[in-house]
Amino acid sequence: MDKRQFGSKYQLIKHYMTLAFKIEYGDLGGQFRSHLKGSGLELKEVRPLESGEDARRIDWKTTARTGRPHVRLFHAERALRLMLLIDNNGSLALNYGRERSLKAELALMAAFVLGWAALKNGDNVGWFFNAAKPFFGPFSHSEAAFWQGIGRAEEILLRPEADLNYLPLPDFLSAAAKAANRETTMVIISDFLAISDNNYDKWLKTLKTIALKKELLALSVTDPLEKSLPDRGLLWLKNPSTGHEVLFDSSSGELQKEYAARARRREVHLERLFKEAGVPYQNLSAAQDPAAVIMNLLRLKAGH
């Protein structure tokens, strides 16, 4: 798939590209390079600016001292390998009565913005999709490979029905880590609803093991309806992962309070888990600026 095959989605793709541009060059400070690149760059030389050179390399102190624009040049650095881990589990497909899942759309947008910004930064982007046999899209810095990857991500994230044939998320992460080397930054995009008190220790062990050897970042996507329960009377709710259905009264004030309290406990639970594991973590919901959330995630990475 290439950009042309998105057809009617042109405006949506244009919006995604605008978000990526904000991360790469825009009002968020152009910090994408500094947050994703390693800190071990060796200065090669400072010399006068030549026609056609990138103005972002200007050394302002030398320029001010000499009265002539100078640029800083570094020895060639290795390109980043960004691996986007798409956890296409059953709960990510929950649409809560909408035509499509808001969480799946947020996950697709986050993957596009991260991948496109990395690609425009000259880095290699790889894809890893959760399935019984996880699918790995090889690292590449070509736009054609990127469009193939985002096309596959759209296909599996925005499908009408959830594919129940996937690995438990800890096993998926472990499989992805085996395909990543030390130069790889792994970003897992999921709703992480599979995490509970019952499997907290397994999760913590898995995350710590991976974080000791690989660079891992976590981005959670959340539907507002998972934080507060709307008053819609009697409702049937189906768990796409298990197929189990339950009938409940959404107009119950007591139930609404308990629902909101559980959602908040879940958020605190996730924050504590990733902090304890040493994994930078951010949550993305529909009400937030995706570019700002992603930049916060990268800043957390830079602080580790």
Protein backbone atom coordinates (compact mmCIF):
# COMPACT_ATOMS: atom_id res chain seq x y z
CA MET A 1 0.00 0.00 0.00
CA ASP A 2 1.17 3.54 -0.73
CA LYS A 3 -0.14 7.00 0.10
CA ARG A 4 -2.39 7.12 -2.97
CA GLN A 5 -4.27 4.01 -1.87
CA PHE A 6 -5.58 5.84 1.20
CA GLY A 7 -7.75 7.82 -1.25
CA SER A 8 -10.61 9.38 0.70
CA LYS A 9 -8.47 9.40 3.84
CA TYR A 10 -6.36 12.25 2.44
CA GLN A 11 -7.46 14.77 5.07
CA LEU A 12 -6.82 12.28 7.86
CA ILE A 13 -3.36 11.46 6.53
CA LYS A 14 -2.66 15.18 6.16
CA HIS A 15 -3.60 15.63 9.83
CA TYR A 16 -1.27 12.80 10.87
CA MET A 17 1.57 14.34 8.88
CA THR A 18 0.93 17.71 10.53
CA LEU A 19 1.24 16.08 13.96
CA ALA A 20 4.49 14.39 12.93
CA PHE A 21 5.78 17.72 11.60
CA LYS A 22 5.04 19.33 14.99
CA ILE A 23 7.26 16.74 16.62
CA GLU A 24 10.04 16.98 14.07
CA TYR A 25 10.25 20.72 13.40
CA GLY A 26 7.40 22.63 14.96
CA ASP A 27 6.28 24.42 18.06
CA LEU A 28 7.27 21.54 20.33
CA GLY A 29 10.85 22.68 19.97
CA GLY A 30 12.19 20.38 17.28
CA GLN A 31 13.34 17.99 19.98
CA PHE A 32 12.64 14.72 18.17
CA ARG A 33 16.30 14.25 17.22
CA SER A 34 17.70 15.00 20.66
CA HIS A 35 15.25 12.73 22.42
CA LEU A 36 15.61 9.74 20.11
CA LYS A 37 19.28 9.94 19.25
CA GLY A 38 21.94 8.75 21.63
CA SER A 39 24.05 11.27 23.54
CA GLY A 40 27.41 9.97 22.36
CA LEU A 41 27.87 12.25 19.35
CA GLU A 42 31.40 13.46 18.68
CA LEU A 43 31.90 16.97 17.37
CA LYS A 44 33.90 16.95 14.14
CA GLU A 45 34.33 20.66 13.42
CA VAL A 46 32.77 24.12 13.48
CA ARG A 47 33.05 25.96 10.16
CA PRO A 48 31.37 28.79 8.20
CA LEU A 49 27.89 28.07 6.84
CA GLU A 50 27.84 27.16 3.17
CA SER A 51 25.03 27.81 0.71
CA GLY A 52 22.22 25.26 0.95
CA GLU A 53 23.21 23.83 4.37
CA ASP A 54 20.69 23.08 7.10
CA ALA A 55 20.26 26.21 9.24
CA ARG A 56 19.37 24.04 12.24
CA ARG A 57 23.06 23.14 12.58
CA ILE A 58 24.09 26.75 13.20
CA ASP A 59 26.42 27.24 16.15
CA TRP A 60 25.01 30.45 17.58
CA LYS A 61 27.85 31.16 19.99
CA THR A 62 30.48 30.99 17.25
CA THR A 63 28.21 32.95 14.92
CA ALA A 64 27.80 35.73 17.50
CA ARG A 65 31.52 35.81 18.27
CA THR A 66 32.69 35.97 14.64
CA GLY A 67 29.80 37.86 13.12
CA ARG A 68 29.50 35.19 10.43
CA PRO A 69 27.15 32.15 10.42
CA HIS A 70 28.94 28.93 11.48
CA VAL A 71 27.65 25.35 11.66
CA ARG A 72 28.55 22.43 13.90
CA LEU A 73 29.39 19.15 12.13
CA PHE A 74 29.45 15.77 13.82
CA HIS A 75 30.90 12.41 12.90
CA ALA A 76 28.29 10.25 11.21
CA GLU A 77 25.89 8.68 13.68
CA ARG A 78 24.07 5.43 13.22
CA ALA A 79 20.40 5.78 12.36
CA LEU A 80 17.89 4.88 15.02
CA ARG A 81 15.92 1.66 14.63
CA LEU A 82 12.37 2.38 15.76
CA MET A 83 10.22 -0.70 16.28
CA LEU A 84 6.48 -0.01 16.55
CA LEU A 85 4.77 -2.80 18.49
CA ILE A 86 1.06 -2.91 17.66
CA ASP A 87 -0.92 -4.89 20.23
CA ASN A 88 -4.00 -5.71 18.18
CA ASN A 89 -5.77 -7.53 21.02
CA GLY A 90 -9.49 -8.00 21.46
CA SER A 91 -10.04 -5.14 23.91
CA LEU A 92 -8.35 -2.66 21.57
CA ALA A 93 -11.18 -3.35 19.12
CA LEU A 94 -13.93 -2.37 21.59
CA ASN A 95 -16.06 0.29 19.88
CA TYR A 96 -18.67 0.83 22.64
CA GLY A 97 -21.44 1.17 20.08
CA ARG A 98 -19.50 3.34 17.64
CA GLU A 99 -18.89 2.40 14.02
CA ARG A 100 -15.19 1.87 14.77
CA SER A 101 -13.00 1.61 17.84
CA LEU A 102 -11.69 4.96 19.05
CA LYS A 103 -8.76 3.20 20.74
CA ALA A 104 -7.79 1.50 17.49
CA GLU A 105 -7.89 4.84 15.68
CA LEU A 106 -5.73 6.44 18.38
CA ALA A 107 -3.25 3.55 18.14
CA LEU A 108 -3.08 3.92 14.36
CA MET A 109 -2.54 7.68 14.65
CA ALA A 110 0.21 7.26 17.25
CA ALA A 111 1.97 4.66 15.11
CA PHE A 112 1.78 6.91 12.05
CA VAL A 113 3.05 10.01 13.85
CA LEU A 114 5.96 8.22 15.51
CA GLY A 115 6.90 6.30 12.39
CA TRP A 116 6.64 9.21 9.96
CA ALA A 117 8.63 11.56 12.23
CA ALA A 118 11.35 8.91 12.59
CA LEU A 119 11.37 8.30 8.84
CA LYS A 120 11.78 12.01 8.10
CA ASN A 121 14.60 12.00 10.66
CA GLY A 122 16.46 9.50 8.46
CA ASP A 123 15.82 6.57 10.79
CA ASN A 124 14.70 3.00 10.11
CA VAL A 125 11.17 1.98 11.06
CA GLY A 126 10.08 -1.59 11.73
CA TRP A 127 6.66 -3.04 12.62
CA PHE A 128 5.71 -5.88 14.95
CA PHE A 129 2.08 -7.01 15.04
CA ASN A 130 0.59 -9.26 17.70
CA ALA A 131 -0.75 -12.59 16.49
CA ALA A 132 -0.41 -16.27 17.35
CA LYS A 133 2.69 -16.03 15.13
CA PRO A 134 3.71 -12.35 15.44
CA PHE A 135 4.28 -10.60 12.13
CA PHE A 136 7.48 -8.58 11.82
CA GLY A 137 7.83 -5.87 9.17
CA PRO A 138 11.61 -5.48 8.59
CA PHE A 139 13.36 -2.20 9.39
CA SER A 140 13.51 0.23 6.51
CA HIS A 141 13.99 3.94 5.90
CA SER A 142 11.97 3.93 2.65
CA GLU A 143 8.58 5.61 2.36
CA ALA A 144 7.24 2.65 0.38
CA ALA A 145 7.96 0.28 3.28
CA PHE A 146 6.42 2.75 5.71
CA TRP A 147 3.18 2.91 3.74
CA GLN A 148 3.07 -0.88 3.60
CA GLY A 149 3.51 -0.99 7.38
CA ILE A 150 0.86 1.62 8.13
CA GLY A 151 -1.46 -0.10 5.65
CA ARG A 152 -1.05 -3.37 7.53
CA ALA A 153 -1.61 -1.55 10.82
CA GLU A 154 -4.84 -0.03 9.50
CA GLU A 155 -5.97 -3.42 8.23
CA ILE A 156 -5.59 -5.15 11.58
CA LEU A 157 -6.56 -2.28 13.90
CA LEU A 158 -9.68 -1.05 12.13
CA ARG A 159 -11.09 -4.42 11.12
CA PRO A 160 -14.82 -4.98 11.90
CA GLU A 161 -14.24 -7.89 14.28
CA ALA A 162 -11.44 -8.57 16.71
CA ASP A 163 -8.98 -11.29 15.83
CA LEU A 164 -8.89 -13.50 18.90
CA ASN A 165 -5.80 -15.31 17.66
CA TYR A 166 -3.04 -13.34 19.40
CA LEU A 167 -0.34 -13.83 22.02
CA PRO A 168 -0.67 -12.72 25.64
CA LEU A 169 0.96 -9.29 25.75
CA PRO A 170 3.97 -10.29 27.91
CA ASP A 171 4.78 -13.06 25.43
CA PHE A 172 4.33 -10.65 22.53
CA LEU A 173 6.78 -8.19 24.13
CA SER A 174 9.32 -10.96 24.71
CA ALA A 175 9.03 -12.07 21.07
CA ALA A 176 9.55 -8.49 19.88
CA ALA A 177 12.59 -8.05 22.12
CA LYS A 178 14.25 -11.02 20.41
CA ALA A 179 13.93 -9.25 17.06
CA ALA A 180 15.42 -5.99 18.40
CA ASN A 181 19.07 -5.15 18.93
CA ARG A 182 20.62 -2.60 21.27
CA GLU A 183 20.23 0.18 18.71
CA THR A 184 16.47 -0.36 18.64
CA THR A 185 13.93 1.79 20.44
CA MET A 186 10.78 -0.28 20.99
CA VAL A 187 7.43 1.49 21.45
CA ILE A 188 4.53 -0.69 22.55
CA ILE A 189 1.08 0.75 21.74
CA SER A 190 -1.75 -0.93 23.63
CA ASP A 191 -4.66 -0.30 25.98
CA PHE A 192 -2.99 -2.57 28.57
CA LEU A 193 -6.37 -3.74 29.87
CA ALA A 194 -4.85 -7.19 30.22
CA ILE A 195 -2.85 -5.99 33.22
CA SER A 196 -4.43 -6.82 36.58
CA ASP A 197 -3.46 -7.58 40.17
CA ASN A 198 -3.39 -11.27 39.27
CA ASN A 199 -0.63 -10.91 36.67
CA TYR A 200 1.16 -7.82 38.02
CA ASP A 201 4.27 -9.76 39.09
CA LYS A 202 4.57 -11.49 35.71
CA TRP A 203 4.24 -8.16 33.95
CA LEU A 204 6.83 -6.52 36.19
CA LYS A 205 9.31 -9.32 35.63
CA THR A 206 8.81 -9.22 31.85
CA LEU A 207 9.16 -5.44 31.64
CA LYS A 208 12.24 -5.34 33.87
CA THR A 209 13.93 -8.12 31.91
CA ILE A 210 13.38 -6.31 28.59
CA ALA A 211 14.23 -2.84 29.94
CA LEU A 212 17.60 -4.08 31.24
CA LYS A 213 18.74 -5.06 27.74
CA LYS A 214 16.57 -3.03 25.33
CA GLU A 215 15.08 0.43 25.13
CA LEU A 216 11.34 0.14 25.66
CA LEU A 217 8.66 2.86 25.77
CA ALA A 218 4.95 2.32 26.48
CA LEU A 219 2.02 4.30 25.08
CA SER A 220 -1.46 3.50 26.35
CA VAL A 221 -4.60 4.42 24.39
CA THR A 222 -7.85 5.03 26.26
CA ASP A 223 -11.49 5.51 25.29
CA PRO A 224 -13.28 8.15 27.43
CA LEU A 225 -16.07 5.61 27.98
CA GLU A 226 -13.57 3.50 29.93
CA LYS A 227 -13.19 6.32 32.45
CA SER A 228 -16.82 7.29 33.01
CA LEU A 229 -20.00 5.29 32.48
CA PRO A 230 -22.74 7.16 30.54
CA ASP A 231 -26.38 6.84 31.53
CA ARG A 232 -27.85 4.62 28.81
CA GLY A 233 -30.17 2.44 30.90
CA LEU A 234 -29.92 -1.34 30.57
CA LEU A 235 -26.98 -2.40 28.41
CA TRP A 236 -25.41 -5.61 27.23
CA LEU A 237 -21.62 -5.61 27.35
CA LYS A 238 -19.55 -8.24 25.55
CA ASN A 239 -15.91 -9.03 26.22
CA PRO A 240 -14.36 -9.56 22.76
CA SER A 241 -11.47 -11.50 24.27
CA THR A 242 -13.64 -14.12 25.98
CA GLY A 243 -17.05 -13.72 24.33
CA HIS A 244 -18.65 -13.38 27.79
CA GLU A 245 -21.74 -11.11 27.94
CA VAL A 246 -23.26 -9.30 30.91
CA LEU A 247 -26.40 -7.15 31.34
CA PHE A 248 -26.13 -4.13 33.62
CA ASP A 249 -27.96 -0.91 34.52
CA SER A 250 -25.78 2.00 33.42
CA SER A 251 -28.13 4.54 35.08
CA SER A 252 -27.15 3.36 38.55
CA GLY A 253 -25.35 6.20 40.36
CA GLU A 254 -23.54 3.76 42.61
CA LEU A 255 -22.35 1.74 39.61
CA GLN A 256 -21.16 4.90 37.82
CA LYS A 257 -19.08 5.95 40.85
CA GLU A 258 -17.55 2.50 41.20
CA TYR A 259 -16.85 2.40 37.46
CA ALA A 260 -14.98 5.73 37.61
CA ALA A 261 -13.09 4.70 40.76
CA ARG A 262 -11.95 1.45 39.14
CA ALA A 263 -10.80 3.32 36.06
CA ARG A 264 -8.70 5.66 38.17
CA ARG A 265 -7.23 2.76 40.13
CA ARG A 266 -6.31 1.12 36.84
CA GLU A 267 -4.50 4.29 35.70
CA VAL A 268 -2.56 4.52 38.95
CA HIS A 269 -1.80 0.80 38.70
CA LEU A 270 -0.31 1.21 35.22
CA GLU A 271 1.73 4.26 36.16
CA ARG A 272 3.18 2.43 39.16
CA LEU A 273 3.97 -0.70 37.13
CA PHE A 274 5.90 1.09 34.39
CA LYS A 275 7.68 3.36 36.85
CA GLU A 276 8.78 0.37 38.92
CA ALA A 277 9.94 -1.41 35.76
CA GLY A 278 11.90 1.64 34.57
CA VAL A 279 9.87 1.97 31.36
CA PRO A 280 8.83 5.48 30.17
CA TYR A 281 5.03 5.56 29.96
CA GLN A 282 2.30 7.93 28.76
CA ASN A 283 -1.44 7.66 28.26
CA LEU A 284 -3.19 9.02 25.15
CA SER A 285 -6.91 9.77 25.06
CA ALA A 286 -9.09 11.49 22.47
CA ALA A 287 -9.09 14.77 24.41
CA GLN A 288 -5.30 15.17 24.30
CA ASP A 289 -2.88 16.56 21.72
CA PRO A 290 -1.20 13.40 20.34
CA ALA A 291 1.99 15.25 19.40
CA ALA A 292 2.34 16.67 22.92
CA VAL A 293 1.76 13.25 24.53
CA ILE A 294 4.34 11.61 22.26
CA MET A 295 6.86 14.35 22.99
CA ASN A 296 6.30 13.86 26.73
CA LEU A 297 7.03 10.17 26.22
CA LEU A 298 10.26 10.99 24.38
CA ARG A 299 11.28 13.45 27.09
CA LEU A 300 10.80 10.74 29.69
CA LYS A 301 13.01 8.50 27.57
CA ALA A 302 15.70 11.17 27.40
CA GLY A 303 15.64 11.40 31.20
CA HIS A 304 16.35 7.69 31.68
